[in-house]
Structures are given as structure tokens and as C-alpha cells.
mmCIF file of all heavy atoms, coordinates in Angstrom:
data_MODEL
# 
_entry.id   MODEL 
# 
loop_
_atom_site.group_PDB 
_atom_site.id 
_atom_site.type_symbol 
_atom_site.label_atom_id 
_atom_site.label_alt_id 
_atom_site.label_comp_id 
_atom_site.label_asym_id 
_atom_site.label_entity_id 
_atom_site.label_seq_id 
_atom_site.pdbx_PDB_ins_code 
_atom_site.Cartn_x 
_atom_site.Cartn_y 
_atom_site.Cartn_z 
_atom_site.occupancy 
_atom_site.B_iso_or_equiv 
_atom_site.pdbx_formal_charge 
_atom_site.auth_seq_id 
_atom_site.auth_comp_id 
_atom_site.auth_asym_id 
_atom_site.auth_atom_id 
_atom_site.pdbx_PDB_model_num 
ATOM 1   N N   . ALA A 1 1  ? 159.439 125.381 83.345 1.00 0.00 ? 1  ALA A N   1 
ATOM 2   C CA  . ALA A 1 1  ? 160.412 126.240 82.663 1.00 0.00 ? 1  ALA A CA  1 
ATOM 3   C C   . ALA A 1 1  ? 160.010 126.437 81.200 1.00 0.00 ? 1  ALA A C   1 
ATOM 4   O O   . ALA A 1 1  ? 160.177 127.535 80.651 1.00 0.00 ? 1  ALA A O   1 
ATOM 5   C CB  . ALA A 1 1  ? 161.811 125.630 82.760 1.00 0.00 ? 1  ALA A CB  1 
ATOM 6   N N   . PHE A 1 2  ? 159.475 125.400 80.570 1.00 0.00 ? 2  PHE A N   1 
ATOM 7   C CA  . PHE A 1 2  ? 158.999 125.490 79.192 1.00 0.00 ? 2  PHE A CA  1 
ATOM 8   C C   . PHE A 1 2  ? 157.881 126.527 79.105 1.00 0.00 ? 2  PHE A C   1 
ATOM 9   O O   . PHE A 1 2  ? 157.881 127.379 78.208 1.00 0.00 ? 2  PHE A O   1 
ATOM 10  C CB  . PHE A 1 2  ? 158.510 124.109 78.733 1.00 0.00 ? 2  PHE A CB  1 
ATOM 11  C CG  . PHE A 1 2  ? 158.036 124.055 77.304 1.00 0.00 ? 2  PHE A CG  1 
ATOM 12  C CD1 . PHE A 1 2  ? 158.952 123.977 76.266 1.00 0.00 ? 2  PHE A CD1 1 
ATOM 13  C CD2 . PHE A 1 2  ? 156.684 124.061 77.008 1.00 0.00 ? 2  PHE A CD2 1 
ATOM 14  C CE1 . PHE A 1 2  ? 158.517 123.912 74.939 1.00 0.00 ? 2  PHE A CE1 1 
ATOM 15  C CE2 . PHE A 1 2  ? 156.240 123.996 75.693 1.00 0.00 ? 2  PHE A CE2 1 
ATOM 16  C CZ  . PHE A 1 2  ? 157.168 123.920 74.654 1.00 0.00 ? 2  PHE A CZ  1 
ATOM 17  N N   . ALA A 1 3  ? 156.939 126.473 80.039 1.00 0.00 ? 3  ALA A N   1 
ATOM 18  C CA  . ALA A 1 3  ? 155.813 127.413 80.042 1.00 0.00 ? 3  ALA A CA  1 
ATOM 19  C C   . ALA A 1 3  ? 156.296 128.852 80.255 1.00 0.00 ? 3  ALA A C   1 
ATOM 20  O O   . ALA A 1 3  ? 155.828 129.780 79.582 1.00 0.00 ? 3  ALA A O   1 
ATOM 21  C CB  . ALA A 1 3  ? 154.806 127.023 81.117 1.00 0.00 ? 3  ALA A CB  1 
ATOM 22  N N   . VAL A 1 4  ? 157.228 129.038 81.174 1.00 0.00 ? 4  VAL A N   1 
ATOM 23  C CA  . VAL A 1 4  ? 157.766 130.382 81.411 1.00 0.00 ? 4  VAL A CA  1 
ATOM 24  C C   . VAL A 1 4  ? 158.555 130.847 80.187 1.00 0.00 ? 4  VAL A C   1 
ATOM 25  O O   . VAL A 1 4  ? 158.504 132.018 79.805 1.00 0.00 ? 4  VAL A O   1 
ATOM 26  C CB  . VAL A 1 4  ? 158.627 130.423 82.695 1.00 0.00 ? 4  VAL A CB  1 
ATOM 27  C CG1 . VAL A 1 4  ? 159.381 131.737 82.809 1.00 0.00 ? 4  VAL A CG1 1 
ATOM 28  C CG2 . VAL A 1 4  ? 157.742 130.212 83.912 1.00 0.00 ? 4  VAL A CG2 1 
ATOM 29  N N   . SER A 1 5  ? 159.247 129.929 79.545 1.00 0.00 ? 5  SER A N   1 
ATOM 30  C CA  . SER A 1 5  ? 159.987 130.272 78.326 1.00 0.00 ? 5  SER A CA  1 
ATOM 31  C C   . SER A 1 5  ? 159.041 130.709 77.215 1.00 0.00 ? 5  SER A C   1 
ATOM 32  O O   . SER A 1 5  ? 159.357 131.617 76.442 1.00 0.00 ? 5  SER A O   1 
ATOM 33  C CB  . SER A 1 5  ? 160.831 129.084 77.859 1.00 0.00 ? 5  SER A CB  1 
ATOM 34  O OG  . SER A 1 5  ? 161.833 128.787 78.797 1.00 0.00 ? 5  SER A OG  1 
ATOM 35  N N   . ILE A 1 6  ? 157.876 130.057 77.122 1.00 0.00 ? 6  ILE A N   1 
ATOM 36  C CA  . ILE A 1 6  ? 156.872 130.489 76.152 1.00 0.00 ? 6  ILE A CA  1 
ATOM 37  C C   . ILE A 1 6  ? 156.476 131.941 76.438 1.00 0.00 ? 6  ILE A C   1 
ATOM 38  O O   . ILE A 1 6  ? 156.412 132.770 75.526 1.00 0.00 ? 6  ILE A O   1 
ATOM 39  C CB  . ILE A 1 6  ? 155.627 129.566 76.181 1.00 0.00 ? 6  ILE A CB  1 
ATOM 40  C CG1 . ILE A 1 6  ? 155.963 128.198 75.565 1.00 0.00 ? 6  ILE A CG1 1 
ATOM 41  C CG2 . ILE A 1 6  ? 154.457 130.203 75.433 1.00 0.00 ? 6  ILE A CG2 1 
ATOM 42  C CD1 . ILE A 1 6  ? 154.859 127.161 75.686 1.00 0.00 ? 6  ILE A CD1 1 
ATOM 43  N N   . CYS A 1 7  ? 156.258 132.250 77.709 1.00 0.00 ? 7  CYS A N   1 
ATOM 44  C CA  . CYS A 1 7  ? 155.902 133.623 78.086 1.00 0.00 ? 7  CYS A CA  1 
ATOM 45  C C   . CYS A 1 7  ? 157.028 134.599 77.753 1.00 0.00 ? 7  CYS A C   1 
ATOM 46  O O   . CYS A 1 7  ? 156.762 135.718 77.291 1.00 0.00 ? 7  CYS A O   1 
ATOM 47  C CB  . CYS A 1 7  ? 155.563 133.698 79.565 1.00 0.00 ? 7  CYS A CB  1 
ATOM 48  S SG  . CYS A 1 7  ? 154.052 132.818 79.991 1.00 0.00 ? 7  CYS A SG  1 
ATOM 49  N N   . LYS A 1 8  ? 158.252 134.178 77.997 1.00 0.00 ? 8  LYS A N   1 
ATOM 50  C CA  . LYS A 1 8  ? 159.389 135.043 77.648 1.00 0.00 ? 8  LYS A CA  1 
ATOM 51  C C   . LYS A 1 8  ? 159.429 135.267 76.144 1.00 0.00 ? 8  LYS A C   1 
ATOM 52  O O   . LYS A 1 8  ? 159.728 136.359 75.677 1.00 0.00 ? 8  LYS A O   1 
ATOM 53  C CB  . LYS A 1 8  ? 160.720 134.451 78.132 1.00 0.00 ? 8  LYS A CB  1 
ATOM 54  C CG  . LYS A 1 8  ? 160.925 134.419 79.629 1.00 0.00 ? 8  LYS A CG  1 
ATOM 55  C CD  . LYS A 1 8  ? 160.841 135.782 80.271 1.00 0.00 ? 8  LYS A CD  1 
ATOM 56  C CE  . LYS A 1 8  ? 162.083 136.584 80.089 1.00 0.00 ? 8  LYS A CE  1 
ATOM 57  N NZ  . LYS A 1 8  ? 161.967 137.931 80.702 1.00 0.00 ? 8  LYS A NZ  1 
ATOM 58  N N   . GLY A 1 9  ? 159.122 134.219 75.370 1.00 0.00 ? 9  GLY A N   1 
ATOM 59  C CA  . GLY A 1 9  ? 159.073 134.355 73.924 1.00 0.00 ? 9  GLY A CA  1 
ATOM 60  C C   . GLY A 1 9  ? 157.999 135.325 73.470 1.00 0.00 ? 9  GLY A C   1 
ATOM 61  O O   . GLY A 1 9  ? 158.164 136.053 72.490 1.00 0.00 ? 9  GLY A O   1 
ATOM 62  N N   . LEU A 1 10 ? 156.879 135.335 74.197 1.00 0.00 ? 10 LEU A N   1 
ATOM 63  C CA  . LEU A 1 10 ? 155.799 136.281 73.902 1.00 0.00 ? 10 LEU A CA  1 
ATOM 64  C C   . LEU A 1 10 ? 156.226 137.718 74.177 1.00 0.00 ? 10 LEU A C   1 
ATOM 65  O O   . LEU A 1 10 ? 155.745 138.654 73.538 1.00 0.00 ? 10 LEU A O   1 
ATOM 66  C CB  . LEU A 1 10 ? 154.576 135.979 74.772 1.00 0.00 ? 10 LEU A CB  1 
ATOM 67  C CG  . LEU A 1 10 ? 153.767 134.754 74.439 1.00 0.00 ? 10 LEU A CG  1 
ATOM 68  C CD1 . LEU A 1 10 ? 152.794 134.440 75.568 1.00 0.00 ? 10 LEU A CD1 1 
ATOM 69  C CD2 . LEU A 1 10 ? 153.017 134.961 73.144 1.00 0.00 ? 10 LEU A CD2 1 
ATOM 70  N N   . SER A 1 11 ? 157.122 137.874 75.151 1.00 0.00 ? 11 SER A N   1 
ATOM 71  C CA  . SER A 1 11 ? 157.469 139.213 75.625 1.00 0.00 ? 11 SER A CA  1 
ATOM 72  C C   . SER A 1 11 ? 158.496 139.930 74.751 1.00 0.00 ? 11 SER A C   1 
ATOM 73  O O   . SER A 1 11 ? 158.668 141.132 74.893 1.00 0.00 ? 11 SER A O   1 
ATOM 74  C CB  . SER A 1 11 ? 157.986 139.144 77.072 1.00 0.00 ? 11 SER A CB  1 
ATOM 75  O OG  . SER A 1 11 ? 159.289 138.585 77.101 1.00 0.00 ? 11 SER A OG  1 
ATOM 76  N N   . VAL A 1 12 ? 159.164 139.199 73.876 1.00 0.00 ? 12 VAL A N   1 
ATOM 77  C CA  . VAL A 1 12 ? 160.191 139.830 73.038 1.00 0.00 ? 12 VAL A CA  1 
ATOM 78  C C   . VAL A 1 12 ? 159.724 139.891 71.590 1.00 0.00 ? 12 VAL A C   1 
ATOM 79  O O   . VAL A 1 12 ? 159.006 139.014 71.122 1.00 0.00 ? 12 VAL A O   1 
ATOM 80  C CB  . VAL A 1 12 ? 161.555 139.094 73.123 1.00 0.00 ? 12 VAL A CB  1 
ATOM 81  C CG1 . VAL A 1 12 ? 162.156 139.224 74.501 1.00 0.00 ? 12 VAL A CG1 1 
ATOM 82  C CG2 . VAL A 1 12 ? 161.457 137.646 72.724 1.00 0.00 ? 12 VAL A CG2 1 
ATOM 83  N N   . ARG A 1 13 ? 160.142 140.925 70.932 1.00 0.00 ? 13 ARG A N   1 
ATOM 84  C CA  . ARG A 1 13 ? 159.767 141.092 69.525 1.00 0.00 ? 13 ARG A CA  1 
ATOM 85  C C   . ARG A 1 13 ? 160.412 140.000 68.674 1.00 0.00 ? 13 ARG A C   1 
ATOM 86  O O   . ARG A 1 13 ? 159.777 139.428 67.800 1.00 0.00 ? 13 ARG A O   1 
ATOM 87  C CB  . ARG A 1 13 ? 160.219 142.461 69.043 1.00 0.00 ? 13 ARG A CB  1 
ATOM 88  C CG  . ARG A 1 13 ? 159.856 142.745 67.605 1.00 0.00 ? 13 ARG A CG  1 
ATOM 89  C CD  . ARG A 1 13 ? 160.023 144.163 67.298 1.00 0.00 ? 13 ARG A CD  1 
ATOM 90  N NE  . ARG A 1 13 ? 159.038 144.867 68.127 1.00 0.00 ? 13 ARG A NE  1 
ATOM 91  C CZ  . ARG A 1 13 ? 158.492 146.005 67.817 1.00 0.00 ? 13 ARG A CZ  1 
ATOM 92  N NH1 . ARG A 1 13 ? 158.831 146.610 66.732 1.00 0.00 ? 13 ARG A NH1 1 
ATOM 93  N NH2 . ARG A 1 13 ? 157.611 146.570 68.607 1.00 0.00 ? 13 ARG A NH2 1 
ATOM 94  N N   . ARG A 1 14 ? 161.669 139.724 68.947 1.00 0.00 ? 14 ARG A N   1 
ATOM 95  C CA  . ARG A 1 14 ? 162.396 138.714 68.189 1.00 0.00 ? 14 ARG A CA  1 
ATOM 96  C C   . ARG A 1 14 ? 163.243 137.904 69.168 1.00 0.00 ? 14 ARG A C   1 
ATOM 97  O O   . ARG A 1 14 ? 164.098 138.448 69.856 1.00 0.00 ? 14 ARG A O   1 
ATOM 98  C CB  . ARG A 1 14 ? 163.295 139.399 67.155 1.00 0.00 ? 14 ARG A CB  1 
ATOM 99  C CG  . ARG A 1 14 ? 164.019 138.435 66.260 1.00 0.00 ? 14 ARG A CG  1 
ATOM 100 C CD  . ARG A 1 14 ? 164.695 139.194 65.090 1.00 0.00 ? 14 ARG A CD  1 
ATOM 101 N NE  . ARG A 1 14 ? 165.589 138.305 64.401 1.00 0.00 ? 14 ARG A NE  1 
ATOM 102 C CZ  . ARG A 1 14 ? 166.886 138.171 64.676 1.00 0.00 ? 14 ARG A CZ  1 
ATOM 103 N NH1 . ARG A 1 14 ? 167.430 138.904 65.632 1.00 0.00 ? 14 ARG A NH1 1 
ATOM 104 N NH2 . ARG A 1 14 ? 167.626 137.336 64.003 1.00 0.00 ? 14 ARG A NH2 1 
ATOM 105 N N   . ALA A 1 15 ? 162.997 136.609 69.232 1.00 0.00 ? 15 ALA A N   1 
ATOM 106 C CA  . ALA A 1 15 ? 163.796 135.736 70.098 1.00 0.00 ? 15 ALA A CA  1 
ATOM 107 C C   . ALA A 1 15 ? 165.151 135.509 69.436 1.00 0.00 ? 15 ALA A C   1 
ATOM 108 O O   . ALA A 1 15 ? 165.224 134.991 68.323 1.00 0.00 ? 15 ALA A O   1 
ATOM 109 C CB  . ALA A 1 15 ? 163.077 134.411 70.320 1.00 0.00 ? 15 ALA A CB  1 
ATOM 110 N N   . GLU A 1 16 ? 166.184 135.900 70.132 1.00 0.00 ? 16 GLU A N   1 
ATOM 111 C CA  . GLU A 1 16 ? 167.541 135.790 69.589 1.00 0.00 ? 16 GLU A CA  1 
ATOM 112 C C   . GLU A 1 16 ? 168.264 134.614 70.228 1.00 0.00 ? 16 GLU A C   1 
ATOM 113 O O   . GLU A 1 16 ? 167.843 134.081 71.252 1.00 0.00 ? 16 GLU A O   1 
ATOM 114 C CB  . GLU A 1 16 ? 168.298 137.086 69.857 1.00 0.00 ? 16 GLU A CB  1 
ATOM 115 C CG  . GLU A 1 16 ? 167.658 138.302 69.197 1.00 0.00 ? 16 GLU A CG  1 
ATOM 116 C CD  . GLU A 1 16 ? 168.362 139.597 69.546 1.00 0.00 ? 16 GLU A CD  1 
ATOM 117 O OE1 . GLU A 1 16 ? 169.506 139.553 70.072 1.00 0.00 ? 16 GLU A OE1 1 
ATOM 118 O OE2 . GLU A 1 16 ? 167.773 140.660 69.313 1.00 0.00 ? 16 GLU A OE2 1 
ATOM 119 N N   . ALA A 1 17 ? 169.393 134.239 69.635 1.00 0.00 ? 17 ALA A N   1 
ATOM 120 C CA  . ALA A 1 17 ? 170.187 133.119 70.137 1.00 0.00 ? 17 ALA A CA  1 
ATOM 121 C C   . ALA A 1 17 ? 170.635 133.370 71.576 1.00 0.00 ? 17 ALA A C   1 
ATOM 122 O O   . ALA A 1 17 ? 170.656 132.442 72.390 1.00 0.00 ? 17 ALA A O   1 
ATOM 123 C CB  . ALA A 1 17 ? 171.403 132.884 69.236 1.00 0.00 ? 17 ALA A CB  1 
ATOM 124 N N   . LYS A 1 18 ? 170.960 134.618 71.905 1.00 0.00 ? 18 LYS A N   1 
ATOM 125 C CA  . LYS A 1 18 ? 171.389 134.914 73.274 1.00 0.00 ? 18 LYS A CA  1 
ATOM 126 C C   . LYS A 1 18 ? 170.250 134.687 74.268 1.00 0.00 ? 18 LYS A C   1 
ATOM 127 O O   . LYS A 1 18 ? 170.470 134.269 75.391 1.00 0.00 ? 18 LYS A O   1 
ATOM 128 C CB  . LYS A 1 18 ? 171.951 136.328 73.396 1.00 0.00 ? 18 LYS A CB  1 
ATOM 129 C CG  . LYS A 1 18 ? 170.943 137.429 73.174 1.00 0.00 ? 18 LYS A CG  1 
ATOM 130 C CD  . LYS A 1 18 ? 171.586 138.808 73.284 1.00 0.00 ? 18 LYS A CD  1 
ATOM 131 C CE  . LYS A 1 18 ? 170.541 139.885 73.043 1.00 0.00 ? 18 LYS A CE  1 
ATOM 132 N NZ  . LYS A 1 18 ? 171.119 141.217 73.152 1.00 0.00 ? 18 LYS A NZ  1 
ATOM 133 N N   . HIS A 1 19 ? 169.009 134.953 73.858 1.00 0.00 ? 19 HIS A N   1 
ATOM 134 C CA  . HIS A 1 19 ? 167.859 134.684 74.724 1.00 0.00 ? 19 HIS A CA  1 
ATOM 135 C C   . HIS A 1 19 ? 167.701 133.180 74.938 1.00 0.00 ? 19 HIS A C   1 
ATOM 136 O O   . HIS A 1 19 ? 167.464 132.720 76.061 1.00 0.00 ? 19 HIS A O   1 
ATOM 137 C CB  . HIS A 1 19 ? 166.565 135.246 74.123 1.00 0.00 ? 19 HIS A CB  1 
ATOM 138 C CG  . HIS A 1 19 ? 166.575 136.731 73.948 1.00 0.00 ? 19 HIS A CG  1 
ATOM 139 N ND1 . HIS A 1 19 ? 166.098 137.329 72.817 1.00 0.00 ? 19 HIS A ND1 1 
ATOM 140 C CD2 . HIS A 1 19 ? 166.989 137.726 74.764 1.00 0.00 ? 19 HIS A CD2 1 
ATOM 141 C CE1 . HIS A 1 19 ? 166.223 138.644 72.936 1.00 0.00 ? 19 HIS A CE1 1 
ATOM 142 N NE2 . HIS A 1 19 ? 166.766 138.900 74.112 1.00 0.00 ? 19 HIS A NE2 1 
ATOM 143 N N   . ALA A 1 20 ? 167.830 132.420 73.860 1.00 0.00 ? 20 ALA A N   1 
ATOM 144 C CA  . ALA A 1 20 ? 167.714 130.958 73.947 1.00 0.00 ? 20 ALA A CA  1 
ATOM 145 C C   . ALA A 1 20 ? 168.791 130.386 74.849 1.00 0.00 ? 20 ALA A C   1 
ATOM 146 O O   . ALA A 1 20 ? 168.530 129.501 75.680 1.00 0.00 ? 20 ALA A O   1 
ATOM 147 C CB  . ALA A 1 20 ? 167.794 130.343 72.555 1.00 0.00 ? 20 ALA A CB  1 
ATOM 148 N N   . LEU A 1 21 ? 170.004 130.886 74.715 1.00 0.00 ? 21 LEU A N   1 
ATOM 149 C CA  . LEU A 1 21 ? 171.107 130.419 75.558 1.00 0.00 ? 21 LEU A CA  1 
ATOM 150 C C   . LEU A 1 21 ? 170.844 130.743 77.028 1.00 0.00 ? 21 LEU A C   1 
ATOM 151 O O   . LEU A 1 21 ? 171.047 129.889 77.905 1.00 0.00 ? 21 LEU A O   1 
ATOM 152 C CB  . LEU A 1 21 ? 172.417 131.067 75.093 1.00 0.00 ? 21 LEU A CB  1 
ATOM 153 C CG  . LEU A 1 21 ? 173.686 130.611 75.805 1.00 0.00 ? 21 LEU A CG  1 
ATOM 154 C CD1 . LEU A 1 21 ? 173.927 129.126 75.574 1.00 0.00 ? 21 LEU A CD1 1 
ATOM 155 C CD2 . LEU A 1 21 ? 174.891 131.419 75.329 1.00 0.00 ? 21 LEU A CD2 1 
ATOM 156 N N   . LYS A 1 22 ? 170.347 131.931 77.303 1.00 0.00 ? 22 LYS A N   1 
ATOM 157 C CA  . LYS A 1 22 ? 170.066 132.321 78.688 1.00 0.00 ? 22 LYS A CA  1 
ATOM 158 C C   . LYS A 1 22 ? 168.990 131.446 79.317 1.00 0.00 ? 22 LYS A C   1 
ATOM 159 O O   . LYS A 1 22 ? 169.171 130.948 80.425 1.00 0.00 ? 22 LYS A O   1 
ATOM 160 C CB  . LYS A 1 22 ? 169.662 133.793 78.769 1.00 0.00 ? 22 LYS A CB  1 
ATOM 161 C CG  . LYS A 1 22 ? 170.828 134.730 78.667 1.00 0.00 ? 22 LYS A CG  1 
ATOM 162 C CD  . LYS A 1 22 ? 170.406 136.175 78.855 1.00 0.00 ? 22 LYS A CD  1 
ATOM 163 C CE  . LYS A 1 22 ? 171.614 137.084 78.717 1.00 0.00 ? 22 LYS A CE  1 
ATOM 164 N NZ  . LYS A 1 22 ? 171.283 138.487 78.944 1.00 0.00 ? 22 LYS A NZ  1 
ATOM 165 N N   . VAL A 1 23 ? 167.854 131.249 78.633 1.00 0.00 ? 23 VAL A N   1 
ATOM 166 C CA  . VAL A 1 23 ? 166.805 130.430 79.240 1.00 0.00 ? 23 VAL A CA  1 
ATOM 167 C C   . VAL A 1 23 ? 167.268 128.983 79.394 1.00 0.00 ? 23 VAL A C   1 
ATOM 168 O O   . VAL A 1 23 ? 166.975 128.336 80.397 1.00 0.00 ? 23 VAL A O   1 
ATOM 169 C CB  . VAL A 1 23 ? 165.443 130.507 78.502 1.00 0.00 ? 23 VAL A CB  1 
ATOM 170 C CG1 . VAL A 1 23 ? 164.868 131.902 78.544 1.00 0.00 ? 23 VAL A CG1 1 
ATOM 171 C CG2 . VAL A 1 23 ? 165.511 129.977 77.094 1.00 0.00 ? 23 VAL A CG2 1 
ATOM 172 N N   . GLY A 1 24 ? 168.014 128.474 78.425 1.00 0.00 ? 24 GLY A N   1 
ATOM 173 C CA  . GLY A 1 24 ? 168.517 127.105 78.521 1.00 0.00 ? 24 GLY A CA  1 
ATOM 174 C C   . GLY A 1 24 ? 169.462 126.908 79.686 1.00 0.00 ? 24 GLY A C   1 
ATOM 175 O O   . GLY A 1 24 ? 169.344 125.943 80.449 1.00 0.00 ? 24 GLY A O   1 
ATOM 176 N N   . LEU A 1 25 ? 170.411 127.820 79.837 1.00 0.00 ? 25 LEU A N   1 
ATOM 177 C CA  . LEU A 1 25 ? 171.393 127.694 80.918 1.00 0.00 ? 25 LEU A CA  1 
ATOM 178 C C   . LEU A 1 25 ? 170.786 127.958 82.290 1.00 0.00 ? 25 LEU A C   1 
ATOM 179 O O   . LEU A 1 25 ? 171.042 127.208 83.244 1.00 0.00 ? 25 LEU A O   1 
ATOM 180 C CB  . LEU A 1 25 ? 172.579 128.635 80.674 1.00 0.00 ? 25 LEU A CB  1 
ATOM 181 C CG  . LEU A 1 25 ? 173.496 128.251 79.513 1.00 0.00 ? 25 LEU A CG  1 
ATOM 182 C CD1 . LEU A 1 25 ? 174.555 129.330 79.286 1.00 0.00 ? 25 LEU A CD1 1 
ATOM 183 C CD2 . LEU A 1 25 ? 174.150 126.905 79.766 1.00 0.00 ? 25 LEU A CD2 1 
ATOM 184 N N   . TRP A 1 26 ? 170.013 129.023 82.411 1.00 0.00 ? 26 TRP A N   1 
ATOM 185 C CA  . TRP A 1 26 ? 169.409 129.342 83.705 1.00 0.00 ? 26 TRP A CA  1 
ATOM 186 C C   . TRP A 1 26 ? 168.448 128.250 84.161 1.00 0.00 ? 26 TRP A C   1 
ATOM 187 O O   . TRP A 1 26 ? 168.572 127.725 85.265 1.00 0.00 ? 26 TRP A O   1 
ATOM 188 C CB  . TRP A 1 26 ? 168.675 130.686 83.659 1.00 0.00 ? 26 TRP A CB  1 
ATOM 189 C CG  . TRP A 1 26 ? 169.560 131.870 83.894 1.00 0.00 ? 26 TRP A CG  1 
ATOM 190 C CD1 . TRP A 1 26 ? 170.048 132.725 82.947 1.00 0.00 ? 26 TRP A CD1 1 
ATOM 191 C CD2 . TRP A 1 26 ? 170.081 132.339 85.146 1.00 0.00 ? 26 TRP A CD2 1 
ATOM 192 N NE1 . TRP A 1 26 ? 170.826 133.687 83.536 1.00 0.00 ? 26 TRP A NE1 1 
ATOM 193 C CE2 . TRP A 1 26 ? 170.856 133.478 84.885 1.00 0.00 ? 26 TRP A CE2 1 
ATOM 194 C CE3 . TRP A 1 26 ? 169.945 131.909 86.458 1.00 0.00 ? 26 TRP A CE3 1 
ATOM 195 C CZ2 . TRP A 1 26 ? 171.499 134.185 85.887 1.00 0.00 ? 26 TRP A CZ2 1 
ATOM 196 C CZ3 . TRP A 1 26 ? 170.588 132.625 87.465 1.00 0.00 ? 26 TRP A CZ3 1 
ATOM 197 C CH2 . TRP A 1 26 ? 171.355 133.736 87.168 1.00 0.00 ? 26 TRP A CH2 1 
ATOM 198 N N   . PHE A 1 27 ? 167.476 127.936 83.317 1.00 0.00 ? 27 PHE A N   1 
ATOM 199 C CA  . PHE A 1 27 ? 166.462 126.963 83.719 1.00 0.00 ? 27 PHE A CA  1 
ATOM 200 C C   . PHE A 1 27 ? 167.047 125.566 83.826 1.00 0.00 ? 27 PHE A C   1 
ATOM 201 O O   . PHE A 1 27 ? 166.768 124.839 84.774 1.00 0.00 ? 27 PHE A O   1 
ATOM 202 C CB  . PHE A 1 27 ? 165.270 126.998 82.763 1.00 0.00 ? 27 PHE A CB  1 
ATOM 203 C CG  . PHE A 1 27 ? 164.495 128.285 82.798 1.00 0.00 ? 27 PHE A CG  1 
ATOM 204 C CD1 . PHE A 1 27 ? 163.841 128.741 81.673 1.00 0.00 ? 27 PHE A CD1 1 
ATOM 205 C CD2 . PHE A 1 27 ? 164.414 129.058 83.942 1.00 0.00 ? 27 PHE A CD2 1 
ATOM 206 C CE1 . PHE A 1 27 ? 163.108 129.925 81.693 1.00 0.00 ? 27 PHE A CE1 1 
ATOM 207 C CE2 . PHE A 1 27 ? 163.699 130.243 83.984 1.00 0.00 ? 27 PHE A CE2 1 
ATOM 208 C CZ  . PHE A 1 27 ? 163.045 130.678 82.846 1.00 0.00 ? 27 PHE A CZ  1 
ATOM 209 N N   . GLY A 1 28 ? 167.871 125.176 82.863 1.00 0.00 ? 28 GLY A N   1 
ATOM 210 C CA  . GLY A 1 28 ? 168.501 123.854 82.924 1.00 0.00 ? 28 GLY A CA  1 
ATOM 211 C C   . GLY A 1 28 ? 169.414 123.713 84.128 1.00 0.00 ? 28 GLY A C   1 
ATOM 212 O O   . GLY A 1 28 ? 169.399 122.687 84.818 1.00 0.00 ? 28 GLY A O   1 
# 
């Protein structure tokens, strides 16, 4: 999940709090 999250971070211009919340809740 960490590795996929890194890729998601690469895919967005700016990682926002809502993105962090989504990856944390979904993957966790």
C-alpha cells in the first residue's frame, strides 16, 4: 500500500489532505 501510495503521489500535482485521508482509510 505504501508503494502504491507513492505512485498515487506521483500522479497528482499536489497531494492534498483529502488524498491522504482516502489512501489511509482505504488501504488501512
